[in-house]
Amino acid sequence: MRTIESEIIINKISDLCGEVNFNLPQDVVDAVKTYIKNDNSIADNILNEILENAKIAKQDKIPLCQDTGTANFFVKIGKDVKIVGDYDISTAINKGVSNGYTKHYLRKSIVCDPLARVNTKDNTPANIYCDYVDGDKIEITMLAKGGGSENASFLKMLTPLDGWNGVKNFVIESVKLKGANACPPIIAGLGIGGDFASVGLLAKKALLRSIGSNNKSKFYDDKEKELFDEINKLNIGPMGLGGVPTALAVFIETKPCHIASMPVAINIQCHSCRRKTIII
C-alpha cells in the first residue's frame, strides 16, 4: 500500500489550475494550424489570432480566456493508494482549486446557489468524478469549462425508434442553434446511452480525448467522422463569422441503456479546450 499526503494533492492541484488556464494543449494548437491557408480570409485571421493568444498566454502566464471556467476533475484512484493527512481526496482537490485560482489570479466564476447568485470567491466547489482502478497511483485530469460553451450544450431523451438519424439531427440542430455562441471552432463531446443522469457526464468525458485520436469502436469512429463533416458544412466558422472550421473534432462516448430509452447529450467545448492530466 502506497501512502500519499493530502497536502501533496493540494499543491499539485493548485499548480494544475494555472497550467491548464495558461497553456492550450498541443493537439488543439496543431488542429488549428491545419486550417490556416494564409489567404487573408476572416477565418484565417481569427485562427492566427487564436494561436497568437495561446503564445502570449503561455509566455506571460496569463489566462487563455477571461472565463477561467468551472473546474472539472476526473480522478482515477489506485486501489493500492492510501491518502493520509488532514483531508480526503475531494476536500484536497477543492483546497487546491481555492489556492490555485487565488494564487494565479484566475477569475472566480462559481456562485453558492443558482438563484441567490453569491460568488464563493475561490471558484469552489469543483466538479469531481472519482473511479477506483488497479495500481498505486492517482491520475487526475482537469478540464476548465467556460460558461459560454457549457450554455451551448443540450440533452434529449430520444427513443430507440429515432436511431442514428435522430441522434445526427439532434447534434446538427444543436450546433446550428448555439454553435456560434460557443467561440468556435468547437469540439463536440457526444454521450449516447446510460440514463438522464449519466449521459451528460458521458458527453463531458468525451471532451478529454486528444484531437486526432480514434474511437475504439470502428462503428462510432465512422459516426464521429460523419458528424464532423456535417458540422463543418454549416459554415458557422471561427467565432461564428463563416468559413471553416466550425469544429476541430467530434468525440462519442457510449453506455448501455434501458430498452425503452436512448438518451443523447452534446457538451460543446470552445476552441480554448483547457485540459491536462497529472499522475501522483
C-alpha atoms as a PDB file:
ATOM      1  CA  MET A   1       0.000   0.000   0.000  1.00  0.00           C
ATOM      2  CA  ARG A   2       1.403   3.394  -1.057  1.00  0.00           C
ATOM      3  CA  THR A   3       0.582   6.462   1.025  1.00  0.00           C
ATOM      4  CA  ILE A   4       0.122   9.951  -0.415  1.00  0.00           C
ATOM      5  CA  GLU A   5      -0.087  13.033   1.772  1.00  0.00           C
ATOM      6  CA  SER A   6      -3.207  15.111   1.128  1.00  0.00           C
ATOM      7  CA  GLU A   7      -1.036  18.238   1.200  1.00  0.00           C
ATOM      8  CA  ILE A   8       0.790  16.968  -1.905  1.00  0.00           C
ATOM      9  CA  ILE A   9      -2.538  16.706  -3.729  1.00  0.00           C
ATOM     10  CA  ILE A  10      -3.461  20.258  -2.702  1.00  0.00           C
ATOM     11  CA  ASN A  11      -0.177  21.650  -4.049  1.00  0.00           C
ATOM     12  CA  LYS A  12      -0.387  19.668  -7.292  1.00  0.00           C
ATOM     13  CA  ILE A  13      -3.943  20.856  -7.948  1.00  0.00           C
ATOM     14  CA  SER A  14      -3.012  24.455  -7.164  1.00  0.00           C
ATOM     15  CA  ASP A  15      -0.266  24.339  -9.811  1.00  0.00           C
ATOM     16  CA  LEU A  16      -2.509  22.487 -12.240  1.00  0.00           C
ATOM     17  CA  CYS A  17      -5.135  25.250 -12.161  1.00  0.00           C
ATOM     18  CA  GLY A  18      -2.554  27.676 -13.512  1.00  0.00           C
ATOM     19  CA  GLU A  19      -1.053  25.280 -16.047  1.00  0.00           C
ATOM     20  CA  VAL A  20      -4.455  24.400 -17.507  1.00  0.00           C
ATOM     21  CA  ASN A  21      -5.527  28.016 -17.883  1.00  0.00           C
ATOM     22  CA  PHE A  22      -2.218  29.261 -19.305  1.00  0.00           C
ATOM     23  CA  ASN A  23      -1.475  26.509 -21.844  1.00  0.00           C
ATOM     24  CA  LEU A  24      -3.500  25.455 -24.864  1.00  0.00           C
ATOM     25  CA  PRO A  25      -2.892  21.715 -25.401  1.00  0.00           C
ATOM     26  CA  GLN A  26      -0.593  20.890 -28.313  1.00  0.00           C
ATOM     27  CA  ASP A  27      -3.215  18.757 -30.085  1.00  0.00           C
ATOM     28  CA  VAL A  28      -5.539  21.783 -30.189  1.00  0.00           C
ATOM     29  CA  VAL A  29      -2.756  24.039 -31.471  1.00  0.00           C
ATOM     30  CA  ASP A  30      -1.862  21.515 -34.171  1.00  0.00           C
ATOM     31  CA  ALA A  31      -5.507  21.138 -35.207  1.00  0.00           C
ATOM     32  CA  VAL A  32      -5.941  24.904 -35.592  1.00  0.00           C
ATOM     33  CA  LYS A  33      -2.763  25.119 -37.684  1.00  0.00           C
ATOM     34  CA  THR A  34      -4.073  22.591 -40.206  1.00  0.00           C
ATOM     35  CA  TYR A  35      -6.811  25.017 -41.270  1.00  0.00           C
ATOM     36  CA  ILE A  36      -4.651  28.087 -41.810  1.00  0.00           C
ATOM     37  CA  LYS A  37      -4.394  28.792 -45.541  1.00  0.00           C
ATOM     38  CA  ASN A  38      -2.637  32.179 -45.418  1.00  0.00           C
ATOM     39  CA  ASP A  39      -5.317  33.600 -47.690  1.00  0.00           C
ATOM     40  CA  ASN A  40      -6.117  36.667 -45.533  1.00  0.00           C
ATOM     41  CA  SER A  41      -9.700  35.498 -45.067  1.00  0.00           C
ATOM     42  CA  ILE A  42     -11.651  36.345 -41.917  1.00  0.00           C
ATOM     43  CA  ALA A  43     -11.469  32.709 -40.821  1.00  0.00           C
ATOM     44  CA  ASP A  44      -7.710  32.631 -41.379  1.00  0.00           C
ATOM     45  CA  ASN A  45      -7.162  35.827 -39.417  1.00  0.00           C
ATOM     46  CA  ILE A  46      -9.180  34.512 -36.469  1.00  0.00           C
ATOM     47  CA  LEU A  47      -7.272  31.228 -36.412  1.00  0.00           C
ATOM     48  CA  ASN A  48      -3.988  33.118 -36.398  1.00  0.00           C
ATOM     49  CA  GLU A  49      -5.273  35.270 -33.524  1.00  0.00           C
ATOM     50  CA  ILE A  50      -6.140  32.092 -31.580  1.00  0.00           C
ATOM     51  CA  LEU A  51      -2.563  30.873 -31.975  1.00  0.00           C
ATOM     52  CA  GLU A  52      -1.120  34.280 -31.061  1.00  0.00           C
ATOM     53  CA  ASN A  53      -3.325  34.390 -27.979  1.00  0.00           C
ATOM     54  CA  ALA A  54      -2.095  30.926 -26.968  1.00  0.00           C
ATOM     55  CA  LYS A  55       1.524  32.004 -27.440  1.00  0.00           C
ATOM     56  CA  ILE A  56       1.100  35.100 -25.255  1.00  0.00           C
ATOM     57  CA  ALA A  57      -0.818  33.203 -22.551  1.00  0.00           C
ATOM     58  CA  LYS A  58       1.913  30.570 -22.279  1.00  0.00           C
ATOM     59  CA  GLN A  59       4.754  33.072 -22.380  1.00  0.00           C
ATOM     60  CA  ASP A  60       3.310  35.578 -19.897  1.00  0.00           C
ATOM     61  CA  LYS A  61       1.400  33.067 -17.741  1.00  0.00           C
ATOM     62  CA  ILE A  62      -1.961  34.757 -18.170  1.00  0.00           C
ATOM     63  CA  PRO A  63      -5.306  33.059 -18.841  1.00  0.00           C
ATOM     64  CA  LEU A  64      -6.113  31.955 -22.372  1.00  0.00           C
ATOM     65  CA  CYS A  65      -9.625  33.311 -21.765  1.00  0.00           C
ATOM     66  CA  GLN A  66     -11.075  35.680 -19.186  1.00  0.00           C
ATOM     67  CA  ASP A  67     -13.588  32.928 -18.351  1.00  0.00           C
ATOM     68  CA  THR A  68     -11.370  30.525 -16.439  1.00  0.00           C
ATOM     69  CA  GLY A  69     -14.279  28.152 -16.122  1.00  0.00           C
ATOM     70  CA  THR A  70     -15.783  25.595 -13.848  1.00  0.00           C
ATOM     71  CA  ALA A  71     -13.051  23.306 -12.521  1.00  0.00           C
ATOM     72  CA  ASN A  72     -13.860  19.712 -13.501  1.00  0.00           C
ATOM     73  CA  PHE A  73     -11.733  16.825 -12.265  1.00  0.00           C
ATOM     74  CA  PHE A  74     -11.771  13.233 -13.478  1.00  0.00           C
ATOM     75  CA  VAL A  75      -9.887  11.156 -10.944  1.00  0.00           C
ATOM     76  CA  LYS A  76      -8.651   7.563 -11.116  1.00  0.00           C
ATOM     77  CA  ILE A  77      -7.566   6.365  -7.689  1.00  0.00           C
ATOM     78  CA  GLY A  78      -5.401   3.261  -7.474  1.00  0.00           C
ATOM     79  CA  LYS A  79      -6.722   0.591  -5.128  1.00  0.00           C
ATOM     80  CA  ASP A  80      -3.269   0.367  -3.565  1.00  0.00           C
ATOM     81  CA  VAL A  81      -3.215   4.057  -2.607  1.00  0.00           C
ATOM     82  CA  LYS A  82      -3.977   5.396   0.862  1.00  0.00           C
ATOM     83  CA  ILE A  83      -4.429   9.145   1.266  1.00  0.00           C
ATOM     84  CA  VAL A  84      -3.089  10.338   4.608  1.00  0.00           C
ATOM     85  CA  GLY A  85      -3.096  13.700   6.318  1.00  0.00           C
ATOM     86  CA  ASP A  86      -5.903  16.072   7.185  1.00  0.00           C
ATOM     87  CA  TYR A  87      -8.076  15.783   4.059  1.00  0.00           C
ATOM     88  CA  ASP A  88      -9.859  13.276   1.849  1.00  0.00           C
ATOM     89  CA  ILE A  89      -9.430  13.420  -1.951  1.00  0.00           C
ATOM     90  CA  SER A  90     -12.411  15.716  -2.633  1.00  0.00           C
ATOM     91  CA  THR A  91     -11.519  18.173   0.102  1.00  0.00           C
ATOM     92  CA  ALA A  92      -7.877  18.226  -1.000  1.00  0.00           C
ATOM     93  CA  ILE A  93      -8.865  18.948  -4.615  1.00  0.00           C
ATOM     94  CA  ASN A  94     -11.190  21.773  -3.573  1.00  0.00           C
ATOM     95  CA  LYS A  95      -8.493  23.308  -1.365  1.00  0.00           C
ATOM     96  CA  GLY A  96      -6.115  23.087  -4.326  1.00  0.00           C
ATOM     97  CA  VAL A  97      -8.643  24.868  -6.542  1.00  0.00           C
ATOM     98  CA  SER A  98      -9.169  27.575  -3.935  1.00  0.00           C
ATOM     99  CA  ASN A  99      -5.413  28.116  -3.613  1.00  0.00           C
ATOM    100  CA  GLY A 100      -4.742  27.889  -7.345  1.00  0.00           C
ATOM    101  CA  TYR A 101      -7.457  30.239  -8.548  1.00  0.00           C
ATOM    102  CA  THR A 102      -6.371  32.777  -5.917  1.00  0.00           C
ATOM    103  CA  LYS A 103      -2.600  32.428  -6.424  1.00  0.00           C
ATOM    104  CA  HIS A 104      -2.775  32.630 -10.225  1.00  0.00           C
ATOM    105  CA  TYR A 105      -5.322  35.495 -10.286  1.00  0.00           C
ATOM    106  CA  LEU A 106      -7.875  33.401 -12.160  1.00  0.00           C
ATOM    107  CA  ARG A 107     -11.456  34.611 -12.379  1.00  0.00           C
ATOM    108  CA  LYS A 108     -13.763  33.106  -9.775  1.00  0.00           C
ATOM    109  CA  SER A 109     -16.991  32.160 -11.532  1.00  0.00           C
ATOM    110  CA  ILE A 110     -18.845  29.868  -9.125  1.00  0.00           C
ATOM    111  CA  VAL A 111     -21.876  31.028  -7.140  1.00  0.00           C
ATOM    112  CA  CYS A 112     -23.010  29.218  -3.993  1.00  0.00           C
ATOM    113  CA  ASP A 113     -26.650  28.985  -5.092  1.00  0.00           C
ATOM    114  CA  PRO A 114     -28.182  29.090  -8.592  1.00  0.00           C
ATOM    115  CA  LEU A 115     -30.767  31.711  -7.580  1.00  0.00           C
ATOM    116  CA  ALA A 116     -29.069  33.646  -4.769  1.00  0.00           C
ATOM    117  CA  ARG A 117     -26.009  34.128  -7.055  1.00  0.00           C
ATOM    118  CA  VAL A 118     -23.494  34.872  -4.298  1.00  0.00           C
ATOM    119  CA  ASN A 119     -19.947  34.237  -5.503  1.00  0.00           C
ATOM    120  CA  THR A 120     -17.944  31.691  -3.489  1.00  0.00           C
ATOM    121  CA  LYS A 121     -14.848  33.834  -4.213  1.00  0.00           C
ATOM    122  CA  ASP A 122     -12.458  30.916  -4.801  1.00  0.00           C
ATOM    123  CA  ASN A 123     -14.099  29.020  -7.719  1.00  0.00           C
ATOM    124  CA  THR A 124     -15.124  26.134  -5.476  1.00  0.00           C
ATOM    125  CA  PRO A 125     -16.750  23.710  -5.294  1.00  0.00           C
ATOM    126  CA  ALA A 126     -15.196  21.866  -8.204  1.00  0.00           C
ATOM    127  CA  ASN A 127     -16.988  19.072 -10.048  1.00  0.00           C
ATOM    128  CA  ILE A 128     -15.142  15.890  -9.049  1.00  0.00           C
ATOM    129  CA  TYR A 129     -15.707  12.426 -10.541  1.00  0.00           C
ATOM    130  CA  CYS A 130     -13.784   9.535  -8.989  1.00  0.00           C
ATOM    131  CA  ASP A 131     -13.197   5.988 -10.194  1.00  0.00           C
ATOM    132  CA  TYR A 132     -11.205   3.276  -8.440  1.00  0.00           C
ATOM    133  CA  VAL A 133      -8.712   1.387 -10.590  1.00  0.00           C
ATOM    134  CA  ASP A 134      -5.838  -1.052 -10.148  1.00  0.00           C
ATOM    135  CA  GLY A 135      -2.443   0.341  -9.165  1.00  0.00           C
ATOM    136  CA  ASP A 136      -0.749   2.593  -6.619  1.00  0.00           C
ATOM    137  CA  LYS A 137      -1.086   5.994  -8.301  1.00  0.00           C
ATOM    138  CA  ILE A 138      -3.663   8.749  -8.613  1.00  0.00           C
ATOM    139  CA  GLU A 139      -4.393  10.079 -12.105  1.00  0.00           C
ATOM    140  CA  ILE A 140      -6.114  13.458 -12.191  1.00  0.00           C
ATOM    141  CA  THR A 141      -7.404  15.160 -15.339  1.00  0.00           C
ATOM    142  CA  MET A 142      -8.589  18.740 -15.087  1.00  0.00           C
ATOM    143  CA  LEU A 143     -10.966  20.330 -17.583  1.00  0.00           C
ATOM    144  CA  ALA A 144     -11.627  24.057 -17.174  1.00  0.00           C
ATOM    145  CA  LYS A 145     -15.031  24.564 -18.811  1.00  0.00           C
ATOM    146  CA  GLY A 146     -16.200  28.054 -19.744  1.00  0.00           C
ATOM    147  CA  GLY A 147     -19.793  29.143 -19.261  1.00  0.00           C
ATOM    148  CA  GLY A 148     -20.407  30.168 -22.861  1.00  0.00           C
ATOM    149  CA  SER A 149     -19.716  26.734 -24.318  1.00  0.00           C
ATOM    150  CA  GLU A 150     -21.460  24.994 -21.421  1.00  0.00           C
ATOM    151  CA  ASN A 151     -24.599  27.036 -22.156  1.00  0.00           C
ATOM    152  CA  ALA A 152     -24.457  25.769 -25.743  1.00  0.00           C
ATOM    153  CA  SER A 153     -24.907  22.152 -24.613  1.00  0.00           C
ATOM    154  CA  PHE A 154     -28.080  20.074 -24.808  1.00  0.00           C
ATOM    155  CA  LEU A 155     -29.642  16.815 -23.604  1.00  0.00           C
ATOM    156  CA  LYS A 156     -32.524  14.961 -25.202  1.00  0.00           C
ATOM    157  CA  MET A 157     -34.310  11.722 -24.378  1.00  0.00           C
ATOM    158  CA  LEU A 158     -34.680  10.044 -27.752  1.00  0.00           C
ATOM    159  CA  THR A 159     -36.383   6.706 -28.317  1.00  0.00           C
ATOM    160  CA  PRO A 160     -34.800   3.642 -29.950  1.00  0.00           C
ATOM    161  CA  LEU A 161     -37.019   4.304 -32.974  1.00  0.00           C
ATOM    162  CA  ASP A 162     -35.176   7.585 -33.601  1.00  0.00           C
ATOM    163  CA  GLY A 163     -31.982   5.617 -34.360  1.00  0.00           C
ATOM    164  CA  TRP A 164     -28.791   7.149 -35.675  1.00  0.00           C
ATOM    165  CA  ASN A 165     -30.635   9.675 -37.843  1.00  0.00           C
ATOM    166  CA  GLY A 166     -32.348  11.007 -34.736  1.00  0.00           C
ATOM    167  CA  VAL A 167     -29.002  11.373 -32.979  1.00  0.00           C
ATOM    168  CA  LYS A 168     -27.438  13.035 -36.003  1.00  0.00           C
ATOM    169  CA  ASN A 169     -30.301  15.503 -36.464  1.00  0.00           C
ATOM    170  CA  PHE A 170     -30.200  16.404 -32.775  1.00  0.00           C
ATOM    171  CA  VAL A 171     -26.464  17.132 -32.913  1.00  0.00           C
ATOM    172  CA  ILE A 172     -26.639  19.189 -36.113  1.00  0.00           C
ATOM    173  CA  GLU A 173     -29.613  21.236 -34.907  1.00  0.00           C
ATOM    174  CA  SER A 174     -27.889  21.859 -31.566  1.00  0.00           C
ATOM    175  CA  VAL A 175     -24.761  23.180 -33.284  1.00  0.00           C
ATOM    176  CA  LYS A 176     -26.862  25.272 -35.686  1.00  0.00           C
ATOM    177  CA  LEU A 177     -28.710  26.822 -32.753  1.00  0.00           C
ATOM    178  CA  LYS A 178     -25.819  27.552 -30.401  1.00  0.00           C
ATOM    179  CA  GLY A 179     -22.531  26.740 -32.110  1.00  0.00           C
ATOM    180  CA  ALA A 180     -21.765  30.374 -32.919  1.00  0.00           C
ATOM    181  CA  ASN A 181     -22.192  31.279 -29.233  1.00  0.00           C
ATOM    182  CA  ALA A 182     -19.557  28.760 -28.110  1.00  0.00           C
ATOM    183  CA  CYS A 183     -16.488  30.531 -29.579  1.00  0.00           C
ATOM    184  CA  PRO A 184     -15.888  28.110 -32.458  1.00  0.00           C
ATOM    185  CA  PRO A 185     -14.086  26.185 -33.797  1.00  0.00           C
ATOM    186  CA  ILE A 186     -15.673  23.836 -31.292  1.00  0.00           C
ATOM    187  CA  ILE A 187     -15.015  20.357 -30.030  1.00  0.00           C
ATOM    188  CA  ALA A 188     -18.248  18.394 -29.704  1.00  0.00           C
ATOM    189  CA  GLY A 189     -18.472  15.766 -26.982  1.00  0.00           C
ATOM    190  CA  LEU A 190     -21.386  13.420 -27.533  1.00  0.00           C
ATOM    191  CA  GLY A 191     -22.833  10.997 -24.990  1.00  0.00           C
ATOM    192  CA  ILE A 192     -25.223   8.256 -26.105  1.00  0.00           C
ATOM    193  CA  GLY A 193     -26.868   5.845 -23.680  1.00  0.00           C
ATOM    194  CA  GLY A 194     -26.934   5.484 -19.932  1.00  0.00           C
ATOM    195  CA  ASP A 195     -29.794   7.432 -18.405  1.00  0.00           C
ATOM    196  CA  PHE A 196     -30.840  11.046 -17.844  1.00  0.00           C
ATOM    197  CA  ALA A 197     -28.327  11.478 -15.010  1.00  0.00           C
ATOM    198  CA  SER A 198     -25.305   9.882 -16.666  1.00  0.00           C
ATOM    199  CA  VAL A 199     -25.495  10.831 -20.347  1.00  0.00           C
ATOM    200  CA  GLY A 200     -24.329  14.413 -19.739  1.00  0.00           C
ATOM    201  CA  LEU A 201     -21.251  13.130 -17.931  1.00  0.00           C
ATOM    202  CA  LEU A 202     -20.541  10.812 -20.869  1.00  0.00           C
ATOM    203  CA  ALA A 203     -20.591  13.829 -23.181  1.00  0.00           C
ATOM    204  CA  LYS A 204     -18.223  15.760 -20.937  1.00  0.00           C
ATOM    205  CA  LYS A 205     -15.828  12.825 -20.634  1.00  0.00           C
ATOM    206  CA  ALA A 206     -15.699  12.678 -24.430  1.00  0.00           C
ATOM    207  CA  LEU A 207     -14.010  16.105 -24.401  1.00  0.00           C
ATOM    208  CA  LEU A 208     -10.976  14.611 -22.663  1.00  0.00           C
ATOM    209  CA  ARG A 209      -9.831  12.779 -25.791  1.00  0.00           C
ATOM    210  CA  SER A 210      -6.970  14.181 -27.851  1.00  0.00           C
ATOM    211  CA  ILE A 211      -7.766  15.581 -31.266  1.00  0.00           C
ATOM    212  CA  GLY A 212      -6.679  13.052 -33.858  1.00  0.00           C
ATOM    213  CA  SER A 213      -7.395  10.034 -31.672  1.00  0.00           C
ATOM    214  CA  ASN A 214      -9.693   7.308 -32.984  1.00  0.00           C
ATOM    215  CA  ASN A 215     -12.723   5.859 -31.260  1.00  0.00           C
ATOM    216  CA  LYS A 216     -12.058   2.305 -30.079  1.00  0.00           C
ATOM    217  CA  SER A 217     -15.189   1.225 -31.950  1.00  0.00           C
ATOM    218  CA  LYS A 218     -14.908   1.290 -35.748  1.00  0.00           C
ATOM    219  CA  PHE A 219     -18.668   1.903 -35.913  1.00  0.00           C
ATOM    220  CA  TYR A 220     -18.524   5.004 -33.725  1.00  0.00           C
ATOM    221  CA  ASP A 221     -15.281   6.172 -35.284  1.00  0.00           C
ATOM    222  CA  ASP A 222     -17.139   6.341 -38.596  1.00  0.00           C
ATOM    223  CA  LYS A 223     -20.034   8.171 -36.926  1.00  0.00           C
ATOM    224  CA  GLU A 224     -17.629  10.743 -35.455  1.00  0.00           C
ATOM    225  CA  LYS A 225     -16.209  11.422 -38.904  1.00  0.00           C
ATOM    226  CA  GLU A 226     -19.715  11.688 -40.375  1.00  0.00           C
ATOM    227  CA  LEU A 227     -20.786  14.268 -37.784  1.00  0.00           C
ATOM    228  CA  PHE A 228     -17.501  16.142 -38.115  1.00  0.00           C
ATOM    229  CA  ASP A 229     -18.012  16.528 -41.870  1.00  0.00           C
ATOM    230  CA  GLU A 230     -21.641  17.601 -41.471  1.00  0.00           C
ATOM    231  CA  ILE A 231     -20.850  20.201 -38.809  1.00  0.00           C
ATOM    232  CA  ASN A 232     -18.088  21.700 -40.939  1.00  0.00           C
ATOM    233  CA  LYS A 233     -20.557  22.128 -43.805  1.00  0.00           C
ATOM    234  CA  LEU A 234     -22.643  24.511 -41.673  1.00  0.00           C
ATOM    235  CA  ASN A 235     -20.364  27.489 -42.477  1.00  0.00           C
ATOM    236  CA  ILE A 236     -20.579  28.823 -38.923  1.00  0.00           C
ATOM    237  CA  GLY A 237     -16.805  29.141 -38.934  1.00  0.00           C
ATOM    238  CA  PRO A 238     -14.272  30.547 -36.466  1.00  0.00           C
ATOM    239  CA  MET A 239     -16.011  32.771 -33.907  1.00  0.00           C
ATOM    240  CA  GLY A 240     -19.239  32.356 -35.897  1.00  0.00           C
ATOM    241  CA  LEU A 241     -18.094  34.574 -38.785  1.00  0.00           C
ATOM    242  CA  GLY A 242     -18.197  31.962 -41.534  1.00  0.00           C
ATOM    243  CA  GLY A 243     -15.811  29.605 -43.253  1.00  0.00           C
ATOM    244  CA  VAL A 244     -14.048  26.573 -41.834  1.00  0.00           C
ATOM    245  CA  PRO A 245     -13.521  25.039 -39.457  1.00  0.00           C
ATOM    246  CA  THR A 246     -16.669  25.103 -37.359  1.00  0.00           C
ATOM    247  CA  ALA A 247     -15.442  22.012 -35.474  1.00  0.00           C
ATOM    248  CA  LEU A 248     -11.967  20.717 -34.697  1.00  0.00           C
ATOM    249  CA  ALA A 249     -13.260  17.308 -33.574  1.00  0.00           C
ATOM    250  CA  VAL A 250     -16.289  15.245 -32.638  1.00  0.00           C
ATOM    251  CA  PHE A 251     -15.952  12.583 -29.940  1.00  0.00           C
ATOM    252  CA  ILE A 252     -18.542   9.985 -28.908  1.00  0.00           C
ATOM    253  CA  GLU A 253     -18.828   8.066 -25.632  1.00  0.00           C
ATOM    254  CA  THR A 254     -21.499   5.391 -25.154  1.00  0.00           C
ATOM    255  CA  LYS A 255     -23.013   3.391 -22.310  1.00  0.00           C
ATOM    256  CA  PRO A 256     -25.595   0.581 -22.064  1.00  0.00           C
ATOM    257  CA  CYS A 257     -29.147   1.849 -21.584  1.00  0.00           C
ATOM    258  CA  HIS A 258     -32.745   0.748 -20.975  1.00  0.00           C
ATOM    259  CA  ILE A 259     -34.569  -0.965 -23.858  1.00  0.00           C
ATOM    260  CA  ALA A 260     -37.128   1.866 -23.969  1.00  0.00           C
ATOM    261  CA  SER A 261     -34.653   4.735 -23.917  1.00  0.00           C
ATOM    262  CA  MET A 262     -31.885   6.379 -25.925  1.00  0.00           C
ATOM    263  CA  PRO A 263     -30.568   9.409 -24.042  1.00  0.00           C
ATOM    264  CA  VAL A 264     -28.305  11.732 -26.025  1.00  0.00           C
ATOM    265  CA  ALA A 265     -26.281  14.730 -24.822  1.00  0.00           C
ATOM    266  CA  ILE A 266     -23.937  17.103 -26.579  1.00  0.00           C
ATOM    267  CA  ASN A 267     -21.405  19.004 -24.485  1.00  0.00           C
ATOM    268  CA  ILE A 268     -19.846  21.670 -26.657  1.00  0.00           C
ATOM    269  CA  GLN A 269     -16.334  22.918 -25.930  1.00  0.00           C
ATOM    270  CA  CYS A 270     -14.920  26.163 -27.254  1.00  0.00           C
ATOM    271  CA  HIS A 271     -11.613  26.324 -29.124  1.00  0.00           C
ATOM    272  CA  SER A 272      -9.912  27.050 -25.783  1.00  0.00           C
ATOM    273  CA  CYS A 273     -10.046  23.401 -24.743  1.00  0.00           C
ATOM    274  CA  ARG A 274      -8.131  23.615 -21.473  1.00  0.00           C
ATOM    275  CA  ARG A 275      -7.304  20.176 -20.091  1.00  0.00           C
ATOM    276  CA  LYS A 276      -4.321  18.380 -18.618  1.00  0.00           C
ATOM    277  CA  THR A 277      -3.601  15.103 -16.849  1.00  0.00           C
ATOM    278  CA  ILE A 278      -1.169  14.616 -13.987  1.00  0.00           C
ATOM    279  CA  ILE A 279      -0.165  11.451 -12.159  1.00  0.00           C
ATOM    280  CA  ILE A 280       0.758  11.432  -8.497  1.00  0.00           C
END
